[in-house]
């Protein structure tokens, strides 16, 4: 019976040890469940953060792509502007050369205009002198014409006097306010 008691005590000790082990296992199991719940919460949080990070990464990638596109477009614009600037510089240089040539041409034309103006003035003065000379000659012609008419009248008067006689000549001279001088003219027939 001692051996049964001993066996019972051993079994009780074994049961007690098993119960202690079971309690430890249950406690560890509870702890593992708590750890699992905490880890699942952390995993869920990490997954949410990962989704947020992936979403932010996608947004940043889209923004990066958009900025790269804008950068490429700006580079094209800069290249276009540089080409335009080079073209404008070339046109400016050509225009400056044209302006220089036109300025030189204008200076030459100004000299020609000044020369022609001087010649025109000289021609105007010569023309005016010719007009003055012509007027003087016309005045001389008028004076000579009047003198000729007067002389012709006097010749007519003298002819009349020789024909009509001295009395008639005196009456004509009196009408004209002239002094009558009788001259004897011999006419040979």
N, C-alpha and C. Protein backbone atom coordinates (compact mmCIF):
# COMPACT_ATOMS: atom_id res chain seq x y z
N UNK A 1 0.79 -1.15 0.00
CA UNK A 1 0.00 0.00 0.00
C UNK A 1 0.87 1.26 0.00
N UNK A 2 1.97 1.10 0.54
CA UNK A 2 2.92 2.21 0.55
C UNK A 2 3.29 2.53 -0.89
N UNK A 3 3.41 1.56 -1.66
CA UNK A 3 3.79 1.83 -3.03
C UNK A 3 2.63 2.49 -3.77
N UNK A 4 1.38 2.17 -3.36
CA UNK A 4 0.26 2.83 -3.99
C UNK A 4 0.21 4.28 -3.56
N UNK A 5 0.45 4.48 -2.30
CA UNK A 5 0.48 5.85 -1.79
C UNK A 5 1.60 6.61 -2.48
N UNK A 6 2.67 5.97 -2.60
CA UNK A 6 3.81 6.61 -3.24
C UNK A 6 3.47 6.93 -4.68
N UNK A 7 2.81 6.00 -5.32
CA UNK A 7 2.45 6.19 -6.71
C UNK A 7 1.42 7.30 -6.83
N UNK A 8 0.46 7.33 -5.82
CA UNK A 8 -0.56 8.36 -5.81
C UNK A 8 0.11 9.71 -5.62
N UNK A 9 1.04 9.81 -4.69
CA UNK A 9 1.76 11.06 -4.43
C UNK A 9 2.54 11.47 -5.68
N UNK A 10 3.16 10.50 -6.30
CA UNK A 10 3.92 10.82 -7.51
C UNK A 10 2.98 11.33 -8.61
N UNK A 11 1.80 10.65 -8.69
CA UNK A 11 0.84 11.08 -9.70
C UNK A 11 0.29 12.47 -9.38
N UNK A 12 0.04 12.70 -8.07
CA UNK A 12 -0.45 14.03 -7.68
C UNK A 12 0.61 15.09 -7.99
N UNK A 13 1.85 14.75 -7.70
CA UNK A 13 2.93 15.69 -8.00
C UNK A 13 3.03 15.90 -9.51
N UNK A 14 2.84 14.80 -10.22
CA UNK A 14 2.91 14.90 -11.67
C UNK A 14 1.74 15.73 -12.18
N UNK A 15 0.51 15.49 -11.61
CA UNK A 15 -0.67 16.26 -12.02
C UNK A 15 -0.45 17.72 -11.66
N UNK A 16 0.09 17.92 -10.43
CA UNK A 16 0.34 19.30 -10.00
C UNK A 16 1.33 19.96 -10.96
N UNK A 17 2.37 19.25 -11.34
CA UNK A 17 3.37 19.79 -12.25
C UNK A 17 2.73 20.07 -13.61
N UNK A 18 1.86 19.09 -14.03
CA UNK A 18 1.19 19.26 -15.31
C UNK A 18 0.24 20.46 -15.26
N UNK A 19 -0.46 20.61 -14.09
CA UNK A 19 -1.37 21.75 -13.94
C UNK A 19 -0.57 23.05 -13.95
N UNK A 20 0.59 23.00 -13.24
CA UNK A 20 1.44 24.20 -13.26
C UNK A 20 1.91 24.49 -14.69
N UNK A 21 2.31 23.42 -15.37
CA UNK A 21 2.75 23.59 -16.76
C UNK A 21 1.59 24.09 -17.63
N UNK A 22 0.37 23.53 -17.38
CA UNK A 22 -0.80 23.95 -18.13
C UNK A 22 -1.11 25.42 -17.86
N UNK A 23 -1.01 25.79 -16.56
CA UNK A 23 -1.26 27.19 -16.20
C UNK A 23 -0.24 28.08 -16.89
N UNK A 24 1.04 27.63 -16.84
CA UNK A 24 2.08 28.41 -17.53
C UNK A 24 1.80 28.48 -19.03
N UNK A 25 1.38 27.32 -19.59
CA UNK A 25 1.09 27.28 -21.02
C UNK A 25 -0.09 28.19 -21.36
N UNK A 26 -1.15 28.13 -20.50
CA UNK A 26 -2.31 29.00 -20.73
C UNK A 26 -1.92 30.47 -20.62
N UNK A 27 -1.08 30.72 -19.57
CA UNK A 27 -0.62 32.11 -19.40
C UNK A 27 0.19 32.54 -20.61
N UNK A 28 1.07 31.64 -21.07
CA UNK A 28 1.88 31.97 -22.25
C UNK A 28 0.99 32.08 -23.48
N UNK A 29 -0.02 31.22 -23.54
CA UNK A 29 -0.97 31.27 -24.66
C UNK A 29 -1.71 32.60 -24.64
N UNK A 30 -2.20 33.00 -23.43
CA UNK A 30 -2.87 34.30 -23.31
C UNK A 30 -1.93 35.42 -23.74
N UNK A 31 -0.69 35.30 -23.27
CA UNK A 31 0.30 36.33 -23.62
C UNK A 31 0.54 36.33 -25.13
N UNK A 32 0.63 35.15 -25.73
CA UNK A 32 0.83 35.05 -27.18
C UNK A 32 -0.38 35.61 -27.93
N UNK A 33 -1.59 35.33 -27.39
CA UNK A 33 -2.79 35.88 -28.04
C UNK A 33 -2.76 37.40 -27.97
N UNK A 34 -2.41 37.92 -26.77
CA UNK A 34 -2.30 39.38 -26.64
C UNK A 34 -1.25 39.92 -27.60
N UNK A 35 -0.09 39.21 -27.63
CA UNK A 35 0.97 39.64 -28.55
C UNK A 35 0.50 39.57 -30.00
N UNK A 36 -0.26 38.48 -30.32
CA UNK A 36 -0.78 38.32 -31.68
C UNK A 36 -1.72 39.49 -32.02
N UNK A 37 -2.62 39.82 -31.05
CA UNK A 37 -3.56 40.92 -31.28
C UNK A 37 -2.80 42.22 -31.48
N UNK A 38 -1.80 42.42 -30.60
CA UNK A 38 -1.00 43.65 -30.74
C UNK A 38 -0.26 43.66 -32.08
N UNK A 39 0.32 42.52 -32.42
CA UNK A 39 1.05 42.44 -33.69
C UNK A 39 0.10 42.61 -34.88
N UNK A 40 -1.11 42.01 -34.79
CA UNK A 40 -2.08 42.20 -35.88
C UNK A 40 -2.47 43.67 -35.99
N UNK A 41 -2.63 44.34 -34.83
CA UNK A 41 -2.95 45.77 -34.86
C UNK A 41 -1.80 46.55 -35.50
N UNK A 42 -0.57 46.16 -35.10
CA UNK A 42 0.60 46.83 -35.70
C UNK A 42 0.67 46.55 -37.19
N UNK A 43 0.40 45.27 -37.57
CA UNK A 43 0.41 44.92 -39.00
C UNK A 43 -0.64 45.73 -39.74
N UNK A 44 -1.86 45.84 -39.13
CA UNK A 44 -2.93 46.62 -39.76
C UNK A 44 -2.49 48.08 -39.90
N UNK A 45 -1.91 48.61 -38.81
CA UNK A 45 -1.44 50.00 -38.84
C UNK A 45 -0.34 50.15 -39.89
N UNK A 46 0.58 49.17 -39.92
CA UNK A 46 1.67 49.23 -40.91
C UNK A 46 1.11 49.13 -42.32
N UNK A 47 0.09 48.25 -42.52
CA UNK A 47 -0.53 48.13 -43.84
C UNK A 47 -1.20 49.44 -44.25
N UNK A 48 -1.89 50.07 -43.26
CA UNK A 48 -2.53 51.36 -43.56
C UNK A 48 -1.46 52.40 -43.90
N UNK A 49 -0.39 52.41 -43.09
CA UNK A 49 0.70 53.35 -43.37
C UNK A 49 1.33 53.05 -44.72
N UNK A 50 1.47 51.73 -45.01
CA UNK A 50 2.04 51.34 -46.30
C UNK A 50 1.14 51.81 -47.44
N UNK A 51 -0.18 51.64 -47.28
CA UNK A 51 -1.12 52.12 -48.30
C UNK A 51 -0.99 53.64 -48.46
N UNK A 52 -0.94 54.35 -47.29
CA UNK A 52 -0.77 55.81 -47.36
C UNK A 52 0.53 56.18 -48.05
N UNK A 53 1.61 55.47 -47.67
CA UNK A 53 2.92 55.74 -48.28
C UNK A 53 2.89 55.43 -49.77
N UNK A 54 2.23 54.30 -50.13
CA UNK A 54 2.14 53.96 -51.56
C UNK A 54 1.32 55.00 -52.31
N UNK A 55 0.23 55.47 -51.67
CA UNK A 55 -0.60 56.51 -52.29
C UNK A 55 0.21 57.79 -52.45
N UNK A 56 0.94 58.17 -51.36
CA UNK A 56 1.79 59.37 -51.44
C UNK A 56 2.87 59.17 -52.48
N UNK A 57 3.43 57.95 -52.52
CA UNK A 57 4.47 57.65 -53.51
C UNK A 57 3.91 57.77 -54.92
N UNK A 58 2.68 57.28 -55.12
CA UNK A 58 2.03 57.38 -56.44
C UNK A 58 1.80 58.85 -56.79
N UNK A 59 1.32 59.63 -55.80
CA UNK A 59 1.10 61.06 -56.03
C UNK A 59 2.42 61.76 -56.36
N UNK A 60 3.46 61.44 -55.56
CA UNK A 60 4.77 62.05 -55.80
C UNK A 60 5.33 61.64 -57.16
N UNK A 61 5.10 60.37 -57.53
CA UNK A 61 5.55 59.91 -58.85
C UNK A 61 4.81 60.65 -59.95
N UNK A 62 3.50 60.84 -59.76
CA UNK A 62 2.71 61.59 -60.76
C UNK A 62 3.19 63.04 -60.83
N UNK A 63 3.43 63.64 -59.63
CA UNK A 63 3.93 65.02 -59.61
C UNK A 63 5.30 65.10 -60.26
N UNK A 64 6.15 64.10 -59.95
CA UNK A 64 7.48 64.07 -60.55
C UNK A 64 7.37 63.98 -62.07
N UNK A 65 6.49 63.09 -62.55
CA UNK A 65 6.30 62.94 -63.99
C UNK A 65 5.80 64.25 -64.60
N UNK A 66 4.82 64.87 -63.89
CA UNK A 66 4.28 66.14 -64.38
C UNK A 66 5.37 67.21 -64.41
N UNK A 67 6.18 67.28 -63.33
CA UNK A 67 7.26 68.26 -63.29
C UNK A 67 8.31 67.97 -64.36
N UNK A 68 8.59 66.68 -64.60
CA UNK A 68 9.53 66.33 -65.67
C UNK A 68 8.98 66.75 -67.02
N UNK A 69 7.66 66.54 -67.23
CA UNK A 69 7.03 66.99 -68.49
C UNK A 69 7.13 68.50 -68.61
N UNK A 70 6.81 69.21 -67.50
CA UNK A 70 6.89 70.67 -67.53
C UNK A 70 8.32 71.12 -67.77
N UNK A 71 9.27 70.41 -67.14
CA UNK A 71 10.69 70.74 -67.32
C UNK A 71 11.09 70.54 -68.78
N UNK A 72 10.64 69.44 -69.37
CA UNK A 72 10.94 69.19 -70.79
C UNK A 72 10.33 70.27 -71.66
N UNK A 73 9.08 70.63 -71.33
CA UNK A 73 8.41 71.69 -72.11
C UNK A 73 9.14 73.02 -71.95
N UNK A 74 9.56 73.31 -70.71
CA UNK A 74 10.31 74.55 -70.48
C UNK A 74 11.64 74.53 -71.23
N UNK A 75 12.29 73.36 -71.25
CA UNK A 75 13.55 73.25 -72.00
C UNK A 75 13.30 73.50 -73.49
N UNK A 76 12.19 72.93 -74.01
CA UNK A 76 11.84 73.18 -75.42
C UNK A 76 11.57 74.67 -75.64
N UNK A 77 10.82 75.27 -74.69
CA UNK A 77 10.55 76.71 -74.80
C UNK A 77 11.84 77.51 -74.78
N UNK A 78 12.76 77.12 -73.88
CA UNK A 78 14.05 77.83 -73.80
C UNK A 78 14.81 77.66 -75.11
N UNK A 79 14.81 76.44 -75.65
CA UNK A 79 15.49 76.22 -76.94
C UNK A 79 14.85 77.07 -78.04
N UNK A 80 13.50 77.09 -78.05
CA UNK A 80 12.80 77.92 -79.04
C UNK A 80 13.15 79.39 -78.86
N UNK A 81 13.16 79.83 -77.58
CA UNK A 81 13.49 81.24 -77.31
C UNK A 81 14.92 81.56 -77.71
N UNK A 82 15.83 80.61 -77.47
CA UNK A 82 17.22 80.85 -77.87
C UNK A 82 17.33 80.94 -79.39
N UNK A 83 16.59 80.06 -80.10
CA UNK A 83 16.59 80.14 -81.57
C UNK A 83 16.00 81.46 -82.04
N UNK A 84 14.87 81.85 -81.40
CA UNK A 84 14.24 83.12 -81.76
C UNK A 84 15.18 84.28 -81.47
N UNK A 85 15.85 84.22 -80.31
CA UNK A 85 16.79 85.29 -79.94
C UNK A 85 17.92 85.37 -80.95
N UNK A 86 18.45 84.21 -81.34
CA UNK A 86 19.53 84.20 -82.34
C UNK A 86 19.03 84.79 -83.66
N UNK A 87 17.80 84.42 -84.04
CA UNK A 87 17.21 84.95 -85.29
C UNK A 87 17.02 86.46 -85.18
N UNK A 88 16.51 86.91 -84.02
CA UNK A 88 16.28 88.35 -83.82
C UNK A 88 17.61 89.10 -83.83
N UNK A 89 18.63 88.51 -83.18
CA UNK A 89 19.96 89.14 -83.19
C UNK A 89 20.48 89.27 -84.62
N UNK A 90 20.28 88.19 -85.40
CA UNK A 90 20.72 88.22 -86.80
C UNK A 90 19.97 89.30 -87.57
N UNK A 91 18.63 89.34 -87.37
CA UNK A 91 17.82 90.36 -88.05
C UNK A 91 18.22 91.75 -87.58
N UNK A 92 18.51 91.89 -86.28
CA UNK A 92 18.93 93.19 -85.74
C UNK A 92 20.23 93.63 -86.41
N UNK A 93 21.17 92.69 -86.53
CA UNK A 93 22.44 93.01 -87.17
C UNK A 93 22.22 93.42 -88.63
N UNK A 94 21.36 92.65 -89.32
CA UNK A 94 21.06 92.98 -90.72
C UNK A 94 20.38 94.35 -90.82
N UNK A 95 19.45 94.61 -89.88
CA UNK A 95 18.75 95.91 -89.88
C UNK A 95 19.73 97.04 -89.59
N UNK A 96 20.65 96.80 -88.63
CA UNK A 96 21.65 97.83 -88.33
C UNK A 96 22.50 98.12 -89.55
N UNK A 97 22.88 97.05 -90.29
CA UNK A 97 23.65 97.26 -91.52
C UNK A 97 22.84 98.05 -92.55
N UNK A 98 21.53 97.69 -92.67
CA UNK A 98 20.67 98.43 -93.60
C UNK A 98 20.58 99.90 -93.20
N UNK A 99 20.39 100.13 -91.88
CA UNK A 99 20.29 101.51 -91.39
C UNK A 99 21.58 102.26 -91.68
N UNK A 100 22.72 101.58 -91.45
CA UNK A 100 24.02 102.21 -91.71
C UNK A 100 24.14 102.56 -93.19
N UNK A 101 23.79 101.58 -94.05
CA UNK A 101 23.86 101.82 -95.50
C UNK A 101 22.91 102.94 -95.92
N UNK A 102 21.68 102.90 -95.37
CA UNK A 102 20.71 103.95 -95.71
C UNK A 102 21.17 105.31 -95.21
N UNK A 103 21.81 105.33 -94.01
CA UNK A 103 22.32 106.59 -93.47
C UNK A 103 23.41 107.14 -94.38
N UNK A 104 24.31 106.24 -94.81
CA UNK A 104 25.36 106.68 -95.73
C UNK A 104 24.75 107.16 -97.05
N UNK A 105 23.75 106.41 -97.54
CA UNK A 105 23.09 106.81 -98.78
C UNK A 105 22.39 108.16 -98.62
N UNK A 106 21.73 108.33 -97.44
CA UNK A 106 21.06 109.61 -97.17
C UNK A 106 22.07 110.75 -97.11
N UNK A 107 23.24 110.48 -96.50
CA UNK A 107 24.28 111.52 -96.44
C UNK A 107 24.71 111.89 -97.85
N UNK A 108 24.89 110.86 -98.71
CA UNK A 108 25.24 111.13 -100.10
C UNK A 108 24.14 111.91 -100.81
N UNK A 109 22.88 111.51 -100.55
CA UNK A 109 21.75 112.23 -101.17
C UNK A 109 21.66 113.66 -100.64
N UNK A 110 21.96 113.84 -99.34
CA UNK A 110 21.95 115.19 -98.78
C UNK A 110 22.99 116.07 -99.48
N UNK A 111 24.17 115.47 -99.75
CA UNK A 111 25.19 116.23 -100.47
C UNK A 111 24.71 116.58 -101.88
N UNK A 112 24.08 115.59 -102.54
CA UNK A 112 23.57 115.85 -103.90
C UNK A 112 22.48 116.92 -103.85
N UNK A 113 21.59 116.81 -102.83
CA UNK A 113 20.51 117.81 -102.69
C UNK A 113 21.10 119.19 -102.46
N UNK A 114 22.13 119.26 -101.59
CA UNK A 114 22.76 120.56 -101.32
C UNK A 114 23.37 121.12 -102.61
N UNK A 115 24.05 120.23 -103.37
CA UNK A 115 24.66 120.66 -104.63
C UNK A 115 23.58 121.13 -105.61
N UNK A 116 22.50 120.32 -105.73
CA UNK A 116 21.41 120.69 -106.65
C UNK A 116 20.72 121.97 -106.20
N UNK A 117 20.57 122.13 -104.87
CA UNK A 117 19.96 123.36 -104.35
C UNK A 117 20.82 124.56 -104.71
N UNK A 118 22.14 124.39 -104.58
CA UNK A 118 23.06 125.48 -104.93
C UNK A 118 22.95 125.79 -106.42
N UNK A 119 22.93 124.71 -107.23
CA UNK A 119 22.80 124.91 -108.68
C UNK A 119 21.45 125.55 -109.02
N UNK A 120 20.39 125.11 -108.32
CA UNK A 120 19.05 125.68 -108.55
C UNK A 120 19.06 127.17 -108.22
N UNK A 121 19.70 127.50 -107.08
CA UNK A 121 19.77 128.92 -106.70
C UNK A 121 20.52 129.72 -107.75
N UNK A 122 21.64 129.14 -108.23
CA UNK A 122 22.41 129.84 -109.26
C UNK A 122 21.57 129.99 -110.53
N UNK A 123 20.84 128.92 -110.90
CA UNK A 123 19.98 129.00 -112.09
C UNK A 123 18.86 130.01 -111.90
N UNK A 124 18.28 130.04 -110.66
CA UNK A 124 17.23 131.03 -110.39
C UNK A 124 17.78 132.45 -110.51
N UNK A 125 19.00 132.64 -109.97
CA UNK A 125 19.61 133.97 -110.06
C UNK A 125 19.89 134.32 -111.52
N UNK A 126 20.40 133.33 -112.30
CA UNK A 126 20.67 133.57 -113.72
C UNK A 126 19.36 133.84 -114.46
N UNK A 127 18.31 133.08 -114.09
CA UNK A 127 17.00 133.28 -114.71
C UNK A 127 16.47 134.68 -114.39
N UNK A 128 16.60 135.08 -113.13
CA UNK A 128 16.14 136.41 -112.73
C UNK A 128 16.93 137.49 -113.47
N UNK A 129 18.26 137.26 -113.58
CA UNK A 129 19.10 138.23 -114.31
C UNK A 129 18.67 138.29 -115.77
N UNK A 130 18.36 137.10 -116.36
CA UNK A 130 17.91 137.08 -117.76
C UNK A 130 16.58 137.81 -117.89
N UNK A 131 15.67 137.59 -116.89
CA UNK A 131 14.39 138.31 -116.92
C UNK A 131 14.61 139.81 -116.81
N UNK A 132 15.53 140.19 -115.88
CA UNK A 132 15.84 141.63 -115.73
C UNK A 132 16.42 142.19 -117.03
N UNK A 133 17.36 141.43 -117.63
CA UNK A 133 17.96 141.88 -118.90
C UNK A 133 16.90 141.96 -119.99
N UNK A 134 16.01 140.97 -120.04
CA UNK A 134 14.93 140.97 -121.03
C UNK A 134 14.03 142.18 -120.84
N UNK A 135 13.69 142.46 -119.55
CA UNK A 135 12.84 143.62 -119.27
C UNK A 135 13.53 144.91 -119.71
N UNK A 136 14.84 144.98 -119.43
CA UNK A 136 15.60 146.18 -119.84
C UNK A 136 15.58 146.31 -121.36
N UNK A 137 15.77 145.17 -122.05
CA UNK A 137 15.75 145.21 -123.51
C UNK A 137 14.36 145.58 -124.03
N UNK A 138 13.31 145.03 -123.37
CA UNK A 138 11.95 145.39 -123.77
C UNK A 138 11.71 146.88 -123.56
N UNK A 139 12.22 147.39 -122.42
CA UNK A 139 12.08 148.84 -122.17
C UNK A 139 12.79 149.63 -123.26
N UNK A 140 14.01 149.17 -123.65
CA UNK A 140 14.75 149.86 -124.72
C UNK A 140 13.96 149.81 -126.02
N UNK A 141 13.41 148.60 -126.32
CA UNK A 141 12.64 148.44 -127.55
C UNK A 141 11.44 149.38 -127.54
N UNK A 142 10.74 149.44 -126.38
CA UNK A 142 9.58 150.34 -126.27
C UNK A 142 10.00 151.79 -126.47
N UNK A 143 11.14 152.16 -125.84
CA UNK A 143 11.64 153.53 -125.99
C UNK A 143 11.99 153.82 -127.44
N UNK A 144 12.69 152.84 -128.05
CA UNK A 144 13.08 153.02 -129.45
C UNK A 144 11.85 153.04 -130.37
N UNK A 145 10.86 152.21 -130.05
CA UNK A 145 9.64 152.18 -130.85
C UNK A 145 8.93 153.53 -130.77
N UNK A 146 8.85 154.06 -129.54
CA UNK A 146 8.22 155.38 -129.37
C UNK A 146 8.99 156.45 -130.12
N UNK A 147 10.34 156.36 -130.02
CA UNK A 147 11.17 157.35 -130.73
C UNK A 147 10.98 157.21 -132.23
N UNK A 148 10.90 155.95 -132.70
CA UNK A 148 10.71 155.70 -134.12
C UNK A 148 9.37 156.28 -134.59
N UNK A 149 8.31 156.01 -133.79
CA UNK A 149 6.98 156.53 -134.14
C UNK A 149 7.03 158.05 -134.19
N UNK A 150 7.70 158.64 -133.19
CA UNK A 150 7.80 160.10 -133.12
C UNK A 150 8.56 160.64 -134.33
N UNK A 151 9.67 159.95 -134.65
CA UNK A 151 10.46 160.39 -135.80
C UNK A 151 9.67 160.22 -137.09
N UNK A 152 8.95 159.11 -137.20
CA UNK A 152 8.14 158.90 -138.40
C UNK A 152 7.08 159.99 -138.52
N UNK A 153 6.49 160.38 -137.39
CA UNK A 153 5.50 161.45 -137.38
C UNK A 153 6.14 162.77 -137.82
N UNK A 154 7.36 162.97 -137.27
CA UNK A 154 8.06 164.21 -137.63
C UNK A 154 8.39 164.21 -139.12
N UNK A 155 8.80 163.05 -139.65
CA UNK A 155 9.10 162.95 -141.08
C UNK A 155 7.83 163.24 -141.88
N UNK A 156 6.71 162.67 -141.42
CA UNK A 156 5.43 162.94 -142.10
C UNK A 156 5.11 164.43 -142.06
N UNK A 157 5.35 165.01 -140.86
CA UNK A 157 5.06 166.44 -140.71
C UNK A 157 5.92 167.27 -141.65
N UNK A 158 7.21 166.90 -141.72
CA UNK A 158 8.12 167.64 -142.59
C UNK A 158 7.67 167.48 -144.04
N UNK A 159 7.26 166.26 -144.40
CA UNK A 159 6.81 166.02 -145.76
C UNK A 159 5.57 166.85 -146.05
N UNK A 160 4.66 166.89 -145.07
CA UNK A 160 3.44 167.66 -145.23
C UNK A 160 3.77 169.14 -145.37
N UNK A 161 4.72 169.59 -144.58
CA UNK A 161 5.10 171.00 -144.62
C UNK A 161 5.67 171.38 -145.99
N UNK A 162 6.42 170.51 -146.50
CA UNK A 162 7.01 170.82 -147.79
C UNK A 162 5.96 170.85 -148.87
N UNK A 163 4.90 170.08 -148.67
CA UNK A 163 3.86 170.03 -149.69
C UNK A 163 2.84 171.12 -149.44
N UNK A 164 2.35 171.23 -148.23
CA UNK A 164 1.24 172.12 -147.92
C UNK A 164 1.71 173.56 -147.80
N UNK A 165 2.78 173.69 -147.21
CA UNK A 165 3.28 175.05 -147.11
C UNK A 165 3.47 175.48 -145.68
N UNK A 166 4.11 176.61 -145.60
CA UNK A 166 4.49 177.07 -144.28
C UNK A 166 3.32 177.46 -143.42
N UNK A 167 2.27 177.99 -143.98
CA UNK A 167 1.15 178.41 -143.13
C UNK A 167 0.49 177.22 -142.45
N UNK A 168 0.28 176.26 -143.23
CA UNK A 168 -0.35 175.07 -142.66
C UNK A 168 0.56 174.46 -141.61
N UNK A 169 1.83 174.44 -141.84
CA UNK A 169 2.81 173.90 -140.89
C UNK A 169 2.75 174.67 -139.61
N UNK A 170 2.56 175.97 -139.69
CA UNK A 170 2.49 176.78 -138.48
C UNK A 170 1.25 176.44 -137.69
N UNK A 171 0.15 176.19 -138.36
CA UNK A 171 -1.06 175.84 -137.62
C UNK A 171 -0.91 174.48 -136.96
N UNK A 172 -0.26 173.54 -137.61
CA UNK A 172 -0.02 172.22 -137.00
C UNK A 172 0.90 172.36 -135.81
N UNK A 173 1.94 173.17 -136.01
CA UNK A 173 2.89 173.37 -134.90
C UNK A 173 2.19 174.02 -133.74
N UNK A 174 1.30 174.94 -134.00
CA UNK A 174 0.58 175.62 -132.93
C UNK A 174 -0.32 174.64 -132.21
N UNK A 175 -0.97 173.75 -132.94
CA UNK A 175 -1.83 172.74 -132.31
C UNK A 175 -1.03 171.80 -131.42
N UNK A 176 0.15 171.47 -131.84
CA UNK A 176 0.97 170.51 -131.08
C UNK A 176 1.84 171.21 -130.06
N UNK A 177 1.86 172.45 -130.05
CA UNK A 177 2.69 173.20 -129.12
C UNK A 177 4.14 173.17 -129.52
N UNK A 178 4.40 173.11 -130.81
CA UNK A 178 5.78 173.05 -131.29
C UNK A 178 6.19 174.42 -131.80
N UNK A 179 7.45 174.54 -131.94
CA UNK A 179 7.98 175.75 -132.56
C UNK A 179 8.16 175.41 -134.03
N UNK A 180 7.64 176.28 -134.86
CA UNK A 180 7.66 175.99 -136.28
C UNK A 180 8.84 176.70 -136.92
N UNK A 181 9.63 175.95 -137.62
CA UNK A 181 10.77 176.51 -138.34
C UNK A 181 10.54 176.15 -139.81
N UNK A 182 10.59 177.13 -140.66
CA UNK A 182 10.37 176.86 -142.07
C UNK A 182 11.69 176.55 -142.73
N UNK A 183 11.68 175.49 -143.42
CA UNK A 183 12.89 175.06 -144.10
C UNK A 183 12.51 174.89 -145.57
N UNK A 184 13.36 175.31 -146.40
CA UNK A 184 13.14 175.19 -147.83
C UNK A 184 13.76 173.91 -148.30
N UNK A 185 12.99 173.09 -148.91
CA UNK A 185 13.53 171.82 -149.38
C UNK A 185 13.36 171.84 -150.89
N UNK A 186 14.42 171.54 -151.58
CA UNK A 186 14.37 171.47 -153.03
C UNK A 186 14.22 170.03 -153.43
N UNK A 187 13.26 169.78 -154.24
CA UNK A 187 13.05 168.41 -154.69
C UNK A 187 13.30 168.42 -156.20
N UNK A 188 14.17 167.61 -156.63
CA UNK A 188 14.47 167.52 -158.05
C UNK A 188 13.58 166.45 -158.65
N UNK A 189 12.96 166.83 -159.80
CA UNK A 189 12.07 165.88 -160.43
C UNK A 189 12.67 165.47 -161.75
